[in-house]
Amino acid sequence: MSDIWAIIVGAILLLIVYVIVASKLSAKRRREAREKMLPYLEETIVADRRHHLFMSDGRKFMDVRILGTTDPQLGQSPLGDWGLMLVILLDSGKKAFVRPSSVRCIEEA
């Protein structure tokens, strides 16, 4: 009886390994097919350069410097949990904090 259970458990473990390997191979094939159509670029937003930010609510921050992001752990305040915020420097010298999820487009100036 214990041999039957060992065979069943072995078959289940073998099936799990097969599913994991098949999933990884499938994801690799999809990624390679995407790269053939449009290659991945090693580009990112560079801090301390001038950018135009277009927000989801229609506001625009033109020709601002992106300074970086805040630490999400320090976002606790009496007004609530702010979490991760994008810090930008306006032309007036003031800093503005915006949620990264509300930025729809960032254009280099």
PDB file of N, CA and C in Angstrom:
ATOM      1  N   MET A   1       0.808  -1.196   0.000  1.00  0.00           N
ATOM      2  CA  MET A   1       0.000   0.000   0.000  1.00  0.00           C
ATOM      3  C   MET A   1       0.858   1.270   0.000  1.00  0.00           C
ATOM      4  N   SER A   2       1.983   1.219   0.755  1.00  0.00           N
ATOM      5  CA  SER A   2       2.842   2.396   0.813  1.00  0.00           C
ATOM      6  C   SER A   2       3.528   2.645  -0.530  1.00  0.00           C
ATOM      7  N   ASP A   3       3.736   1.584  -1.324  1.00  0.00           N
ATOM      8  CA  ASP A   3       4.325   1.764  -2.646  1.00  0.00           C
ATOM      9  C   ASP A   3       3.390   2.544  -3.564  1.00  0.00           C
ATOM     10  N   ILE A   4       2.114   2.296  -3.444  1.00  0.00           N
ATOM     11  CA  ILE A   4       1.131   3.005  -4.270  1.00  0.00           C
ATOM     12  C   ILE A   4       1.143   4.495  -3.933  1.00  0.00           C
ATOM     13  N   TRP A   5       1.173   4.794  -2.628  1.00  0.00           N
ATOM     14  CA  TRP A   5       1.207   6.205  -2.221  1.00  0.00           C
ATOM     15  C   TRP A   5       2.501   6.883  -2.666  1.00  0.00           C
ATOM     16  N   ALA A   6       3.594   6.169  -2.621  1.00  0.00           N
ATOM     17  CA  ALA A   6       4.868   6.732  -3.066  1.00  0.00           C
ATOM     18  C   ALA A   6       4.820   7.030  -4.564  1.00  0.00           C
ATOM     19  N   ILE A   7       4.192   6.145  -5.337  1.00  0.00           N
ATOM     20  CA  ILE A   7       4.056   6.370  -6.777  1.00  0.00           C
ATOM     21  C   ILE A   7       3.150   7.567  -7.050  1.00  0.00           C
ATOM     22  N   ILE A   8       2.048   7.681  -6.314  1.00  0.00           N
ATOM     23  CA  ILE A   8       1.118   8.799  -6.496  1.00  0.00           C
ATOM     24  C   ILE A   8       1.803  10.125  -6.151  1.00  0.00           C
ATOM     25  N   VAL A   9       2.497  10.180  -5.027  1.00  0.00           N
ATOM     26  CA  VAL A   9       3.190  11.401  -4.614  1.00  0.00           C
ATOM     27  C   VAL A   9       4.293  11.737  -5.613  1.00  0.00           C
ATOM     28  N   GLY A  10       5.031  10.744  -6.072  1.00  0.00           N
ATOM     29  CA  GLY A  10       6.073  10.962  -7.074  1.00  0.00           C
ATOM     30  C   GLY A  10       5.502  11.504  -8.376  1.00  0.00           C
ATOM     31  N   ALA A  11       4.364  10.974  -8.799  1.00  0.00           N
ATOM     32  CA  ALA A  11       3.722  11.442 -10.030  1.00  0.00           C
ATOM     33  C   ALA A  11       3.254  12.886  -9.886  1.00  0.00           C
ATOM     34  N   ILE A  12       2.714  13.219  -8.730  1.00  0.00           N
ATOM     35  CA  ILE A  12       2.255  14.591  -8.486  1.00  0.00           C
ATOM     36  C   ILE A  12       3.438  15.549  -8.490  1.00  0.00           C
ATOM     37  N   LEU A  13       4.532  15.184  -7.837  1.00  0.00           N
ATOM     38  CA  LEU A  13       5.723  16.037  -7.825  1.00  0.00           C
ATOM     39  C   LEU A  13       6.302  16.190  -9.228  1.00  0.00           C
ATOM     40  N   LEU A  14       6.307  15.112  -9.997  1.00  0.00           N
ATOM     41  CA  LEU A  14       6.790  15.171 -11.369  1.00  0.00           C
ATOM     42  C   LEU A  14       5.908  16.075 -12.224  1.00  0.00           C
ATOM     43  N   LEU A  15       4.608  16.027 -12.012  1.00  0.00           N
ATOM     44  CA  LEU A  15       3.672  16.887 -12.731  1.00  0.00           C
ATOM     45  C   LEU A  15       3.904  18.358 -12.373  1.00  0.00           C
ATOM     46  N   ILE A  16       4.149  18.647 -11.103  1.00  0.00           N
ATOM     47  CA  ILE A  16       4.411  20.022 -10.660  1.00  0.00           C
ATOM     48  C   ILE A  16       5.683  20.551 -11.316  1.00  0.00           C
ATOM     49  N   VAL A  17       6.740  19.751 -11.323  1.00  0.00           N
ATOM     50  CA  VAL A  17       8.002  20.167 -11.959  1.00  0.00           C
ATOM     51  C   VAL A  17       7.781  20.409 -13.445  1.00  0.00           C
ATOM     52  N   TYR A  18       7.025  19.541 -14.104  1.00  0.00           N
ATOM     53  CA  TYR A  18       6.744  19.698 -15.540  1.00  0.00           C
ATOM     54  C   TYR A  18       6.005  21.009 -15.815  1.00  0.00           C
ATOM     55  N   VAL A  19       5.007  21.325 -14.992  1.00  0.00           N
ATOM     56  CA  VAL A  19       4.232  22.560 -15.180  1.00  0.00           C
ATOM     57  C   VAL A  19       5.120  23.786 -14.994  1.00  0.00           C
ATOM     58  N   ILE A  20       5.993  23.769 -14.001  1.00  0.00           N
ATOM     59  CA  ILE A  20       6.882  24.908 -13.755  1.00  0.00           C
ATOM     60  C   ILE A  20       7.837  25.103 -14.932  1.00  0.00           C
ATOM     61  N   VAL A  21       8.443  24.031 -15.402  1.00  0.00           N
ATOM     62  CA  VAL A  21       9.384  24.124 -16.529  1.00  0.00           C
ATOM     63  C   VAL A  21       8.666  24.575 -17.791  1.00  0.00           C
ATOM     64  N   ALA A  22       7.490  24.033 -18.059  1.00  0.00           N
ATOM     65  CA  ALA A  22       6.727  24.421 -19.248  1.00  0.00           C
ATOM     66  C   ALA A  22       6.331  25.885 -19.198  1.00  0.00           C
ATOM     67  N   SER A  23       5.961  26.374 -18.025  1.00  0.00           N
ATOM     68  CA  SER A  23       5.585  27.774 -17.864  1.00  0.00           C
ATOM     69  C   SER A  23       6.771  28.690 -18.131  1.00  0.00           C
ATOM     70  N   LYS A  24       7.938  28.346 -17.603  1.00  0.00           N
ATOM     71  CA  LYS A  24       9.133  29.166 -17.823  1.00  0.00           C
ATOM     72  C   LYS A  24       9.533  29.172 -19.295  1.00  0.00           C
ATOM     73  N   LEU A  25       9.465  28.034 -19.959  1.00  0.00           N
ATOM     74  CA  LEU A  25       9.797  27.971 -21.380  1.00  0.00           C
ATOM     75  C   LEU A  25       8.812  28.781 -22.220  1.00  0.00           C
ATOM     76  N   SER A  26       7.546  28.719 -21.866  1.00  0.00           N
ATOM     77  CA  SER A  26       6.525  29.475 -22.587  1.00  0.00           C
ATOM     78  C   SER A  26       6.742  30.975 -22.409  1.00  0.00           C
ATOM     79  N   ALA A  27       7.059  31.407 -21.199  1.00  0.00           N
ATOM     80  CA  ALA A  27       7.314  32.829 -20.946  1.00  0.00           C
ATOM     81  C   ALA A  27       8.549  33.287 -21.708  1.00  0.00           C
ATOM     82  N   LYS A  28       9.568  32.443 -21.794  1.00  0.00           N
ATOM     83  CA  LYS A  28      10.782  32.799 -22.527  1.00  0.00           C
ATOM     84  C   LYS A  28      10.474  32.939 -24.018  1.00  0.00           C
ATOM     85  N   ARG A  29       9.673  32.034 -24.572  1.00  0.00           N
ATOM     86  CA  ARG A  29       9.305  32.128 -25.990  1.00  0.00           C
ATOM     87  C   ARG A  29       8.496  33.388 -26.277  1.00  0.00           C
ATOM     88  N   ARG A  30       7.567  33.736 -25.388  1.00  0.00           N
ATOM     89  CA  ARG A  30       6.770  34.958 -25.570  1.00  0.00           C
ATOM     90  C   ARG A  30       7.657  36.189 -25.524  1.00  0.00           C
ATOM     91  N   ARG A  31       8.602  36.232 -24.575  1.00  0.00           N
ATOM     92  CA  ARG A  31       9.519  37.379 -24.453  1.00  0.00           C
ATOM     93  C   ARG A  31      10.385  37.503 -25.702  1.00  0.00           C
ATOM     94  N   GLU A  32      10.901  36.398 -26.197  1.00  0.00           N
ATOM     95  CA  GLU A  32      11.722  36.440 -27.403  1.00  0.00           C
ATOM     96  C   GLU A  32      10.912  36.895 -28.617  1.00  0.00           C
ATOM     97  N   ALA A  33       9.645  36.467 -28.711  1.00  0.00           N
ATOM     98  CA  ALA A  33       8.796  36.894 -29.822  1.00  0.00           C
ATOM     99  C   ALA A  33       8.517  38.392 -29.737  1.00  0.00           C
ATOM    100  N   ARG A  34       8.292  38.909 -28.525  1.00  0.00           N
ATOM    101  CA  ARG A  34       8.084  40.350 -28.339  1.00  0.00           C
ATOM    102  C   ARG A  34       9.329  41.139 -28.719  1.00  0.00           C
ATOM    103  N   GLU A  35      10.496  40.625 -28.343  1.00  0.00           N
ATOM    104  CA  GLU A  35      11.748  41.317 -28.645  1.00  0.00           C
ATOM    105  C   GLU A  35      12.023  41.349 -30.145  1.00  0.00           C
ATOM    106  N   LYS A  36      11.549  40.365 -30.893  1.00  0.00           N
ATOM    107  CA  LYS A  36      11.732  40.375 -32.343  1.00  0.00           C
ATOM    108  C   LYS A  36      10.893  41.476 -32.977  1.00  0.00           C
ATOM    109  N   MET A  37       9.696  41.720 -32.433  1.00  0.00           N
ATOM    110  CA  MET A  37       8.833  42.769 -32.974  1.00  0.00           C
ATOM    111  C   MET A  37       9.310  44.149 -32.539  1.00  0.00           C
ATOM    112  N   LEU A  38       9.504  44.339 -31.254  1.00  0.00           N
ATOM    113  CA  LEU A  38       9.990  45.607 -30.694  1.00  0.00           C
ATOM    114  C   LEU A  38      11.032  45.286 -29.633  1.00  0.00           C
ATOM    115  N   PRO A  39      12.259  45.720 -29.822  1.00  0.00           N
ATOM    116  CA  PRO A  39      13.305  45.387 -28.847  1.00  0.00           C
ATOM    117  C   PRO A  39      13.124  46.172 -27.547  1.00  0.00           C
ATOM    118  N   TYR A  40      13.611  45.576 -26.466  1.00  0.00           N
ATOM    119  CA  TYR A  40      13.639  46.266 -25.180  1.00  0.00           C
ATOM    120  C   TYR A  40      14.774  47.281 -25.203  1.00  0.00           C
ATOM    121  N   LEU A  41      14.545  48.416 -24.605  1.00  0.00           N
ATOM    122  CA  LEU A  41      15.577  49.446 -24.513  1.00  0.00           C
ATOM    123  C   LEU A  41      16.037  49.569 -23.070  1.00  0.00           C
ATOM    124  N   GLU A  42      17.283  49.832 -22.906  1.00  0.00           N
ATOM    125  CA  GLU A  42      17.847  50.037 -21.576  1.00  0.00           C
ATOM    126  C   GLU A  42      17.755  51.518 -21.226  1.00  0.00           C
ATOM    127  N   GLU A  43      16.568  52.075 -21.294  1.00  0.00           N
ATOM    128  CA  GLU A  43      16.336  53.488 -21.018  1.00  0.00           C
ATOM    129  C   GLU A  43      15.555  53.623 -19.720  1.00  0.00           C
ATOM    130  N   THR A  44      15.802  54.714 -19.025  1.00  0.00           N
ATOM    131  CA  THR A  44      15.039  55.018 -17.825  1.00  0.00           C
ATOM    132  C   THR A  44      15.037  56.530 -17.627  1.00  0.00           C
ATOM    133  N   ILE A  45      14.237  56.984 -16.707  1.00  0.00           N
ATOM    134  CA  ILE A  45      14.183  58.411 -16.405  1.00  0.00           C
ATOM    135  C   ILE A  45      15.431  58.775 -15.619  1.00  0.00           C
ATOM    136  N   VAL A  46      16.115  59.795 -16.065  1.00  0.00           N
ATOM    137  CA  VAL A  46      17.333  60.241 -15.395  1.00  0.00           C
ATOM    138  C   VAL A  46      16.975  61.418 -14.490  1.00  0.00           C
ATOM    139  N   ALA A  47      17.312  61.278 -13.227  1.00  0.00           N
ATOM    140  CA  ALA A  47      17.026  62.349 -12.271  1.00  0.00           C
ATOM    141  C   ALA A  47      17.866  63.578 -12.588  1.00  0.00           C
ATOM    142  N   ASP A  48      17.361  64.729 -12.201  1.00  0.00           N
ATOM    143  CA  ASP A  48      18.031  66.027 -12.328  1.00  0.00           C
ATOM    144  C   ASP A  48      18.132  66.506 -13.777  1.00  0.00           C
ATOM    145  N   ARG A  49      17.310  65.960 -14.655  1.00  0.00           N
ATOM    146  CA  ARG A  49      17.181  66.496 -16.014  1.00  0.00           C
ATOM    147  C   ARG A  49      15.814  67.148 -16.134  1.00  0.00           C
ATOM    148  N   ARG A  50      15.641  67.965 -17.149  1.00  0.00           N
ATOM    149  CA  ARG A  50      14.367  68.647 -17.372  1.00  0.00           C
ATOM    150  C   ARG A  50      13.391  67.734 -18.120  1.00  0.00           C
ATOM    151  N   HIS A  51      12.138  67.716 -17.640  1.00  0.00           N
ATOM    152  CA  HIS A  51      11.098  66.892 -18.246  1.00  0.00           C
ATOM    153  C   HIS A  51       9.773  67.654 -18.272  1.00  0.00           C
ATOM    154  N   HIS A  52       8.862  67.196 -19.120  1.00  0.00           N
ATOM    155  CA  HIS A  52       7.472  67.637 -19.113  1.00  0.00           C
ATOM    156  C   HIS A  52       6.662  66.460 -18.578  1.00  0.00           C
ATOM    157  N   LEU A  53       5.850  66.710 -17.542  1.00  0.00           N
ATOM    158  CA  LEU A  53       5.006  65.665 -16.976  1.00  0.00           C
ATOM    159  C   LEU A  53       3.560  65.954 -17.328  1.00  0.00           C
ATOM    160  N   PHE A  54       2.858  64.960 -17.831  1.00  0.00           N
ATOM    161  CA  PHE A  54       1.442  65.067 -18.157  1.00  0.00           C
ATOM    162  C   PHE A  54       0.686  64.140 -17.214  1.00  0.00           C
ATOM    163  N   MET A  55      -0.213  64.720 -16.430  1.00  0.00           N
ATOM    164  CA  MET A  55      -0.911  63.982 -15.387  1.00  0.00           C
ATOM    165  C   MET A  55      -2.238  63.419 -15.900  1.00  0.00           C
ATOM    166  N   SER A  56      -2.769  62.437 -15.178  1.00  0.00           N
ATOM    167  CA  SER A  56      -4.016  61.798 -15.589  1.00  0.00           C
ATOM    168  C   SER A  56      -5.218  62.726 -15.452  1.00  0.00           C
ATOM    169  N   ASP A  57      -5.136  63.751 -14.606  1.00  0.00           N
ATOM    170  CA  ASP A  57      -6.257  64.681 -14.444  1.00  0.00           C
ATOM    171  C   ASP A  57      -6.169  65.871 -15.388  1.00  0.00           C
ATOM    172  N   GLY A  58      -5.194  65.864 -16.325  1.00  0.00           N
ATOM    173  CA  GLY A  58      -5.082  66.923 -17.315  1.00  0.00           C
ATOM    174  C   GLY A  58      -4.067  68.000 -16.982  1.00  0.00           C
ATOM    175  N   ARG A  59      -3.569  68.022 -15.753  1.00  0.00           N
ATOM    176  CA  ARG A  59      -2.555  69.019 -15.405  1.00  0.00           C
ATOM    177  C   ARG A  59      -1.253  68.704 -16.121  1.00  0.00           C
ATOM    178  N   LYS A  60      -0.464  69.739 -16.327  1.00  0.00           N
ATOM    179  CA  LYS A  60       0.835  69.588 -16.970  1.00  0.00           C
ATOM    180  C   LYS A  60       1.883  70.290 -16.123  1.00  0.00           C
ATOM    181  N   PHE A  61       2.999  69.657 -15.915  1.00  0.00           N
ATOM    182  CA  PHE A  61       4.154  70.267 -15.272  1.00  0.00           C
ATOM    183  C   PHE A  61       5.218  70.356 -16.354  1.00  0.00           C
ATOM    184  N   MET A  62       5.404  71.545 -16.879  1.00  0.00           N
ATOM    185  CA  MET A  62       6.311  71.741 -18.000  1.00  0.00           C
ATOM    186  C   MET A  62       7.689  72.183 -17.512  1.00  0.00           C
ATOM    187  N   ASP A  63       8.709  71.609 -18.103  1.00  0.00           N
ATOM    188  CA  ASP A  63      10.100  71.974 -17.854  1.00  0.00           C
ATOM    189  C   ASP A  63      10.452  71.930 -16.369  1.00  0.00           C
ATOM    190  N   VAL A  64      10.219  70.775 -15.745  1.00  0.00           N
ATOM    191  CA  VAL A  64      10.535  70.597 -14.326  1.00  0.00           C
ATOM    192  C   VAL A  64      11.678  69.593 -14.202  1.00  0.00           C
ATOM    193  N   ARG A  65      12.340  69.650 -13.079  1.00  0.00           N
ATOM    194  CA  ARG A  65      13.396  68.672 -12.791  1.00  0.00           C
ATOM    195  C   ARG A  65      12.808  67.568 -11.916  1.00  0.00           C
ATOM    196  N   ILE A  66      13.067  66.326 -12.288  1.00  0.00           N
ATOM    197  CA  ILE A  66      12.686  65.191 -11.444  1.00  0.00           C
ATOM    198  C   ILE A  66      13.854  64.934 -10.504  1.00  0.00           C
ATOM    199  N   LEU A  67      13.606  65.115  -9.212  1.00  0.00           N
ATOM    200  CA  LEU A  67      14.664  64.947  -8.223  1.00  0.00           C
ATOM    201  C   LEU A  67      14.807  63.496  -7.773  1.00  0.00           C
ATOM    202  N   GLY A  68      13.706  62.761  -7.734  1.00  0.00           N
ATOM    203  CA  GLY A  68      13.734  61.373  -7.283  1.00  0.00           C
ATOM    204  C   GLY A  68      12.395  60.976  -6.695  1.00  0.00           C
ATOM    205  N   THR A  69      12.426  59.990  -5.821  1.00  0.00           N
ATOM    206  CA  THR A  69      11.214  59.518  -5.157  1.00  0.00           C
ATOM    207  C   THR A  69      11.404  59.561  -3.650  1.00  0.00           C
ATOM    208  N   THR A  70      10.298  59.554  -2.956  1.00  0.00           N
ATOM    209  CA  THR A  70      10.337  59.514  -1.492  1.00  0.00           C
ATOM    210  C   THR A  70      10.415  58.065  -1.036  1.00  0.00           C
ATOM    211  N   ASP A  71      10.800  57.887   0.193  1.00  0.00           N
ATOM    212  CA  ASP A  71      10.814  56.561   0.803  1.00  0.00           C
ATOM    213  C   ASP A  71       9.389  56.229   1.218  1.00  0.00           C
ATOM    214  N   PRO A  72       8.796  55.142   0.705  1.00  0.00           N
ATOM    215  CA  PRO A  72       7.409  54.841   1.052  1.00  0.00           C
ATOM    216  C   PRO A  72       7.202  54.586   2.544  1.00  0.00           C
ATOM    217  N   GLN A  73       8.248  54.189   3.255  1.00  0.00           N
ATOM    218  CA  GLN A  73       8.114  53.942   4.688  1.00  0.00           C
ATOM    219  C   GLN A  73       7.965  55.245   5.469  1.00  0.00           C
ATOM    220  N   LEU A  74       8.467  56.349   4.907  1.00  0.00           N
ATOM    221  CA  LEU A  74       8.392  57.641   5.590  1.00  0.00           C
ATOM    222  C   LEU A  74       7.124  58.407   5.211  1.00  0.00           C
ATOM    223  N   GLY A  75       6.237  57.809   4.443  1.00  0.00           N
ATOM    224  CA  GLY A  75       5.052  58.491   3.951  1.00  0.00           C
ATOM    225  C   GLY A  75       3.928  58.623   4.957  1.00  0.00           C
ATOM    226  N   GLN A  76       4.154  58.239   6.201  1.00  0.00           N
ATOM    227  CA  GLN A  76       3.128  58.351   7.228  1.00  0.00           C
ATOM    228  C   GLN A  76       3.041  59.794   7.699  1.00  0.00           C
ATOM    229  N   SER A  77       1.846  60.336   7.687  1.00  0.00           N
ATOM    230  CA  SER A  77       1.659  61.710   8.159  1.00  0.00           C
ATOM    231  C   SER A  77       0.267  61.822   8.763  1.00  0.00           C
ATOM    232  N   PRO A  78      -0.023  62.945   9.431  1.00  0.00           N
ATOM    233  CA  PRO A  78      -1.373  63.127   9.978  1.00  0.00           C
ATOM    234  C   PRO A  78      -2.446  63.153   8.897  1.00  0.00           C
ATOM    235  N   LEU A  79      -2.055  63.436   7.643  1.00  0.00           N
ATOM    236  CA  LEU A  79      -3.030  63.480   6.552  1.00  0.00           C
ATOM    237  C   LEU A  79      -3.310  62.106   5.965  1.00  0.00           C
ATOM    238  N   GLY A  80      -2.573  61.095   6.383  1.00  0.00           N
ATOM    239  CA  GLY A  80      -2.772  59.751   5.878  1.00  0.00           C
ATOM    240  C   GLY A  80      -1.491  59.163   5.324  1.00  0.00           C
ATOM    241  N   ASP A  81      -1.605  57.970   4.788  1.00  0.00           N
ATOM    242  CA  ASP A  81      -0.449  57.282   4.216  1.00  0.00           C
ATOM    243  C   ASP A  81      -0.263  57.718   2.773  1.00  0.00           C
ATOM    244  N   TRP A  82       0.845  58.393   2.483  1.00  0.00           N
ATOM    245  CA  TRP A  82       1.104  58.888   1.136  1.00  0.00           C
ATOM    246  C   TRP A  82       1.872  57.895   0.309  1.00  0.00           C
ATOM    247  N   GLY A  83       2.662  57.032   0.928  1.00  0.00           N
ATOM    248  CA  GLY A  83       3.421  56.033   0.196  1.00  0.00           C
ATOM    249  C   GLY A  83       4.482  56.648  -0.688  1.00  0.00           C
ATOM    250  N   LEU A  84       4.773  55.990  -1.794  1.00  0.00           N
ATOM    251  CA  LEU A  84       5.807  56.438  -2.720  1.00  0.00           C
ATOM    252  C   LEU A  84       5.321  57.654  -3.501  1.00  0.00           C
ATOM    253  N   MET A  85       6.138  58.701  -3.534  1.00  0.00           N
ATOM    254  CA  MET A  85       5.798  59.923  -4.262  1.00  0.00           C
ATOM    255  C   MET A  85       6.984  60.316  -5.142  1.00  0.00           C
ATOM    256  N   LEU A  86       6.678  60.888  -6.303  1.00  0.00           N
ATOM    257  CA  LEU A  86       7.687  61.415  -7.215  1.00  0.00           C
ATOM    258  C   LEU A  86       7.935  62.868  -6.823  1.00  0.00           C
ATOM    259  N   VAL A  87       9.192  63.240  -6.605  1.00  0.00           N
ATOM    260  CA  VAL A  87       9.546  64.594  -6.174  1.00  0.00           C
ATOM    261  C   VAL A  87      10.063  65.364  -7.383  1.00  0.00           C
ATOM    262  N   ILE A  88       9.386  66.498  -7.683  1.00  0.00           N
ATOM    263  CA  ILE A  88       9.817  67.332  -8.804  1.00  0.00           C
ATOM    264  C   ILE A  88      10.093  68.739  -8.300  1.00  0.00           C
ATOM    265  N   LEU A  89      11.004  69.420  -8.975  1.00  0.00           N
ATOM    266  CA  LEU A  89      11.358  70.792  -8.628  1.00  0.00           C
ATOM    267  C   LEU A  89      10.757  71.713  -9.677  1.00  0.00           C
ATOM    268  N   LEU A  90       9.875  72.607  -9.229  1.00  0.00           N
ATOM    269  CA  LEU A  90       9.206  73.534 -10.131  1.00  0.00           C
ATOM    270  C   LEU A  90      10.105  74.720 -10.442  1.00  0.00           C
ATOM    271  N   ASP A  91       9.732  75.505 -11.450  1.00  0.00           N
ATOM    272  CA  ASP A  91      10.516  76.692 -11.816  1.00  0.00           C
ATOM    273  C   ASP A  91      10.571  77.711 -10.679  1.00  0.00           C
ATOM    274  N   SER A  92       9.540  77.722  -9.832  1.00  0.00           N
ATOM    275  CA  SER A  92       9.497  78.674  -8.727  1.00  0.00           C
ATOM    276  C   SER A  92      10.466  78.310  -7.604  1.00  0.00           C
ATOM    277  N   GLY A  93      11.099  77.133  -7.699  1.00  0.00           N
ATOM    278  CA  GLY A  93      12.012  76.690  -6.651  1.00  0.00           C
ATOM    279  C   GLY A  93      11.335  75.806  -5.627  1.00  0.00           C
ATOM    280  N   LYS A  94      10.015  75.675  -5.712  1.00  0.00           N
ATOM    281  CA  LYS A  94       9.282  74.827  -4.781  1.00  0.00           C
ATOM    282  C   LYS A  94       9.292  73.383  -5.274  1.00  0.00           C
ATOM    283  N   LYS A  95       9.165  72.471  -4.317  1.00  0.00           N
ATOM    284  CA  LYS A  95       9.080  71.055  -4.660  1.00  0.00           C
ATOM    285  C   LYS A  95       7.619  70.646  -4.733  1.00  0.00           C
ATOM    286  N   ALA A  96       7.314  69.760  -5.640  1.00  0.00           N
ATOM    287  CA  ALA A  96       5.979  69.193  -5.741  1.00  0.00           C
ATOM    288  C   ALA A  96       6.110  67.677  -5.614  1.00  0.00           C
ATOM    289  N   PHE A  97       5.159  67.069  -4.941  1.00  0.00           N
ATOM    290  CA  PHE A  97       5.156  65.625  -4.738  1.00  0.00           C
ATOM    291  C   PHE A  97       3.931  65.074  -5.455  1.00  0.00           C
ATOM    292  N   VAL A  98       4.139  64.186  -6.402  1.00  0.00           N
ATOM    293  CA  VAL A  98       3.027  63.607  -7.156  1.00  0.00           C
ATOM    294  C   VAL A  98       3.115  62.087  -7.088  1.00  0.00           C
ATOM    295  N   ARG A  99       1.955  61.467  -7.165  1.00  0.00           N
ATOM    296  CA  ARG A  99       1.922  60.011  -7.166  1.00  0.00           C
ATOM    297  C   ARG A  99       2.378  59.500  -8.533  1.00  0.00           C
ATOM    298  N   PRO A 100       3.286  58.549  -8.564  1.00  0.00           N
ATOM    299  CA  PRO A 100       3.742  58.018  -9.852  1.00  0.00           C
ATOM    300  C   PRO A 100       2.598  57.419 -10.678  1.00  0.00           C
ATOM    301  N   SER A 101       1.584  56.887 -10.013  1.00  0.00           N
ATOM    302  CA  SER A 101       0.471  56.274 -10.747  1.00  0.00           C
ATOM    303  C   SER A 101      -0.391  57.308 -11.461  1.00  0.00           C
ATOM    304  N   SER A 102      -0.300  58.592 -11.073  1.00  0.00           N
ATOM    305  CA  SER A 102      -1.105  59.617 -11.735  1.00  0.00           C
ATOM    306  C   SER A 102      -0.378  60.265 -12.901  1.00  0.00           C
ATOM    307  N   VAL A 103       0.890  59.921 -13.119  1.00  0.00           N
ATOM    308  CA  VAL A 103       1.633  60.445 -14.264  1.00  0.00           C
ATOM    309  C   VAL A 103       1.326  59.573 -15.463  1.00  0.00           C
ATOM    310  N   ARG A 104       0.840  60.188 -16.541  1.00  0.00           N
ATOM    311  CA  ARG A 104       0.495  59.444 -17.745  1.00  0.00           C
ATOM    312  C   ARG A 104       1.613  59.448 -18.778  1.00  0.00           C
ATOM    313  N   CYS A 105       2.400  60.512 -18.806  1.00  0.00           N
ATOM    314  CA  CYS A 105       3.468  60.596 -19.795  1.00  0.00           C
ATOM    315  C   CYS A 105       4.567  61.498 -19.248  1.00  0.00           C
ATOM    316  N   ILE A 106       5.813  61.094 -19.508  1.00  0.00           N
ATOM    317  CA  ILE A 106       6.976  61.920 -19.155  1.00  0.00           C
ATOM    318  C   ILE A 106       7.764  62.129 -20.442  1.00  0.00           C
ATOM    319  N   GLU A 107       7.953  63.398 -20.776  1.00  0.00           N
ATOM    320  CA  GLU A 107       8.656  63.752 -22.012  1.00  0.00           C
ATOM    321  C   GLU A 107       9.917  64.510 -21.662  1.00  0.00           C
ATOM    322  N   GLU A 108      11.010  64.183 -22.329  1.00  0.00           N
ATOM    323  CA  GLU A 108      12.236  64.930 -22.099  1.00  0.00           C
ATOM    324  C   GLU A 108      12.083  66.340 -22.654  1.00  0.00           C
ATOM    325  N   ALA A 109      12.577  67.324 -21.914  1.00  0.00           N
ATOM    326  CA  ALA A 109      12.471  68.729 -22.367  1.00  0.00           C
ATOM    327  C   ALA A 109      13.667  69.103 -23.192  1.00  0.00           C
TER     328      ALA A 109
END
